[in-house]
C-alpha atoms as a PDB file:
ATOM      1  CA  UNK A   1      -8.534  -3.130  15.604  1.00  0.00           C
ATOM      2  CA  UNK A   2      -9.654  -0.860  18.446  1.00  0.00           C
ATOM      3  CA  UNK A   3      -6.784   1.562  17.761  1.00  0.00           C
ATOM      4  CA  UNK A   4      -7.816   1.699  14.097  1.00  0.00           C
ATOM      5  CA  UNK A   5     -11.397   2.441  15.123  1.00  0.00           C
ATOM      6  CA  UNK A   6     -10.241   5.372  17.240  1.00  0.00           C
ATOM      7  CA  UNK A   7      -8.084   6.714  14.417  1.00  0.00           C
ATOM      8  CA  UNK A   8     -10.288   6.036  11.375  1.00  0.00           C
ATOM      9  CA  UNK A   9     -13.809   5.445  12.683  1.00  0.00           C
ATOM     10  CA  UNK A  10     -15.845   2.451  13.754  1.00  0.00           C
ATOM     11  CA  UNK A  11     -16.694   0.278  10.752  1.00  0.00           C
ATOM     12  CA  UNK A  12     -19.516  -1.334  12.748  1.00  0.00           C
ATOM     13  CA  UNK A  13     -21.498   1.920  12.451  1.00  0.00           C
ATOM     14  CA  UNK A  14     -23.363   1.653   9.100  1.00  0.00           C
ATOM     15  CA  UNK A  15     -22.821   5.332   8.184  1.00  0.00           C
ATOM     16  CA  UNK A  16     -19.109   5.155   8.993  1.00  0.00           C
ATOM     17  CA  UNK A  17     -18.789   1.842   7.121  1.00  0.00           C
ATOM     18  CA  UNK A  18     -20.382   3.405   4.030  1.00  0.00           C
ATOM     19  CA  UNK A  19     -18.022   6.402   4.279  1.00  0.00           C
ATOM     20  CA  UNK A  20     -14.939   4.206   4.741  1.00  0.00           C
ATOM     21  CA  UNK A  21     -15.904   2.061   1.755  1.00  0.00           C
ATOM     22  CA  UNK A  22     -16.429   5.204  -0.322  1.00  0.00           C
ATOM     23  CA  UNK A  23     -12.910   6.520   0.391  1.00  0.00           C
ATOM     24  CA  UNK A  24     -11.149   3.147   0.377  1.00  0.00           C
ATOM     25  CA  UNK A  25      -8.087   3.201  -1.914  1.00  0.00           C
ATOM     26  CA  UNK A  26      -8.878  -0.322  -3.106  1.00  0.00           C
ATOM     27  CA  UNK A  27     -12.423   0.691  -4.027  1.00  0.00           C
ATOM     28  CA  UNK A  28     -11.050   3.682  -5.938  1.00  0.00           C
ATOM     29  CA  UNK A  29      -8.164   1.900  -7.662  1.00  0.00           C
ATOM     30  CA  UNK A  30      -9.834   2.329 -11.051  1.00  0.00           C
ATOM     31  CA  UNK A  31      -9.320   6.106 -10.723  1.00  0.00           C
ATOM     32  CA  UNK A  32      -5.551   5.833 -10.251  1.00  0.00           C
ATOM     33  CA  UNK A  33      -3.791   6.710 -13.502  1.00  0.00           C
ATOM     34  CA  UNK A  34      -0.192   7.048 -12.342  1.00  0.00           C
ATOM     35  CA  UNK A  35       2.193   4.208 -11.633  1.00  0.00           C
ATOM     36  CA  UNK A  36       2.220   3.157  -7.998  1.00  0.00           C
ATOM     37  CA  UNK A  37       5.091   1.887  -5.830  1.00  0.00           C
ATOM     38  CA  UNK A  38       4.062  -0.086  -2.750  1.00  0.00           C
ATOM     39  CA  UNK A  39       6.619  -1.217  -0.174  1.00  0.00           C
ATOM     40  CA  UNK A  40       5.510  -3.505   2.620  1.00  0.00           C
ATOM     41  CA  UNK A  41       7.023  -5.335   5.558  1.00  0.00           C
ATOM     42  CA  UNK A  42       5.606  -8.837   5.970  1.00  0.00           C
ATOM     43  CA  UNK A  43       5.646  -8.473   9.775  1.00  0.00           C
ATOM     44  CA  UNK A  44       3.938  -5.070   9.834  1.00  0.00           C
ATOM     45  CA  UNK A  45       1.663  -4.959  12.918  1.00  0.00           C
ATOM     46  CA  UNK A  46      -0.313  -1.988  11.541  1.00  0.00           C
ATOM     47  CA  UNK A  47      -0.816  -2.788   7.863  1.00  0.00           C
ATOM     48  CA  UNK A  48      -1.194  -6.456   6.925  1.00  0.00           C
ATOM     49  CA  UNK A  49       0.638  -7.481   3.762  1.00  0.00           C
ATOM     50  CA  UNK A  50      -2.694  -8.732   2.443  1.00  0.00           C
ATOM     51  CA  UNK A  51      -3.918  -5.107   2.237  1.00  0.00           C
ATOM     52  CA  UNK A  52      -0.916  -4.075   0.143  1.00  0.00           C
ATOM     53  CA  UNK A  53      -1.425  -7.123  -2.069  1.00  0.00           C
ATOM     54  CA  UNK A  54      -5.117  -6.259  -2.529  1.00  0.00           C
ATOM     55  CA  UNK A  55      -4.124  -2.788  -3.699  1.00  0.00           C
ATOM     56  CA  UNK A  56      -1.514  -4.149  -6.113  1.00  0.00           C
ATOM     57  CA  UNK A  57      -4.095  -6.592  -7.504  1.00  0.00           C
ATOM     58  CA  UNK A  58      -6.693  -3.843  -7.872  1.00  0.00           C
ATOM     59  CA  UNK A  59      -4.291  -1.522  -9.723  1.00  0.00           C
ATOM     60  CA  UNK A  60      -3.021  -4.250 -12.029  1.00  0.00           C
ATOM     61  CA  UNK A  61      -6.542  -5.599 -12.517  1.00  0.00           C
ATOM     62  CA  UNK A  62      -7.555  -2.206 -13.875  1.00  0.00           C
ATOM     63  CA  UNK A  63      -4.629  -2.164 -16.304  1.00  0.00           C
ATOM     64  CA  UNK A  64      -2.460   0.050 -14.110  1.00  0.00           C
ATOM     65  CA  UNK A  65       1.174  -0.240 -13.161  1.00  0.00           C
ATOM     66  CA  UNK A  66       2.079  -1.251  -9.624  1.00  0.00           C
ATOM     67  CA  UNK A  67       5.544  -2.110  -8.346  1.00  0.00           C
ATOM     68  CA  UNK A  68       5.452  -4.164  -5.163  1.00  0.00           C
ATOM     69  CA  UNK A  69       8.342  -4.657  -2.763  1.00  0.00           C
ATOM     70  CA  UNK A  70       7.765  -7.074   0.122  1.00  0.00           C
ATOM     71  CA  UNK A  71      10.450  -7.377   2.801  1.00  0.00           C
ATOM     72  CA  UNK A  72       9.921 -10.682   4.590  1.00  0.00           C
ATOM     73  CA  UNK A  73      11.911  -9.643   7.667  1.00  0.00           C
ATOM     74  CA  UNK A  74      10.559  -6.127   8.253  1.00  0.00           C
ATOM     75  CA  UNK A  75       7.665  -4.589  10.110  1.00  0.00           C
ATOM     76  CA  UNK A  76       6.245  -1.083   9.687  1.00  0.00           C
ATOM     77  CA  UNK A  77       9.104   0.578   7.821  1.00  0.00           C
ATOM     78  CA  UNK A  78      12.408  -0.751   6.551  1.00  0.00           C
ATOM     79  CA  UNK A  79      14.958  -0.522   9.362  1.00  0.00           C
ATOM     80  CA  UNK A  80      17.497  -3.153   8.320  1.00  0.00           C
ATOM     81  CA  UNK A  81      20.290  -1.645   6.234  1.00  0.00           C
ATOM     82  CA  UNK A  82      20.153  -4.268   3.470  1.00  0.00           C
ATOM     83  CA  UNK A  83      16.403  -3.819   3.090  1.00  0.00           C
ATOM     84  CA  UNK A  84      16.640  -0.036   3.246  1.00  0.00           C
ATOM     85  CA  UNK A  85      19.364  -0.035   0.577  1.00  0.00           C
ATOM     86  CA  UNK A  86      17.264  -2.308  -1.638  1.00  0.00           C
ATOM     87  CA  UNK A  87      14.191  -0.127  -1.036  1.00  0.00           C
ATOM     88  CA  UNK A  88      15.976   3.123  -1.943  1.00  0.00           C
ATOM     89  CA  UNK A  89      17.458   1.561  -5.077  1.00  0.00           C
ATOM     90  CA  UNK A  90      14.024   0.277  -6.108  1.00  0.00           C
ATOM     91  CA  UNK A  91      12.510   3.724  -5.509  1.00  0.00           C
ATOM     92  CA  UNK A  92      15.253   5.312  -7.634  1.00  0.00           C
ATOM     93  CA  UNK A  93      14.563   2.851 -10.471  1.00  0.00           C
ATOM     94  CA  UNK A  94      10.822   3.455 -10.173  1.00  0.00           C
ATOM     95  CA  UNK A  95      11.238   7.236 -10.288  1.00  0.00           C
ATOM     96  CA  UNK A  96      13.689   7.022 -13.178  1.00  0.00           C
ATOM     97  CA  UNK A  97      11.265   4.853 -15.140  1.00  0.00           C
ATOM     98  CA  UNK A  98       8.064   6.748 -14.383  1.00  0.00           C
ATOM     99  CA  UNK A  99       9.212  10.353 -13.989  1.00  0.00           C
ATOM    100  CA  UNK A 100      12.108  10.640 -16.410  1.00  0.00           C
ATOM    101  CA  UNK A 101      10.812   8.527 -19.308  1.00  0.00           C
END
């Protein structure tokens, strides 16, 4: 949490908290009109899977399209070949569906 505060700002400061809430992707999900692809490693030490799931819920809850790929044995990034292959294939399908249709 301390590293995040250094990078993004201290959410305990009321002004910073208000700013962070204003720019939060989840709080602005209703403005997203394009399909979204979210890939997440379950063991990610930087971004909890719950944050990715909140974003997917927010997009879908607003009638948007969100593809969600969760790798149960990855961290921050997909380093295992099987997962990377699956990820790149999923990205190709997503792009084919949403850019070429």
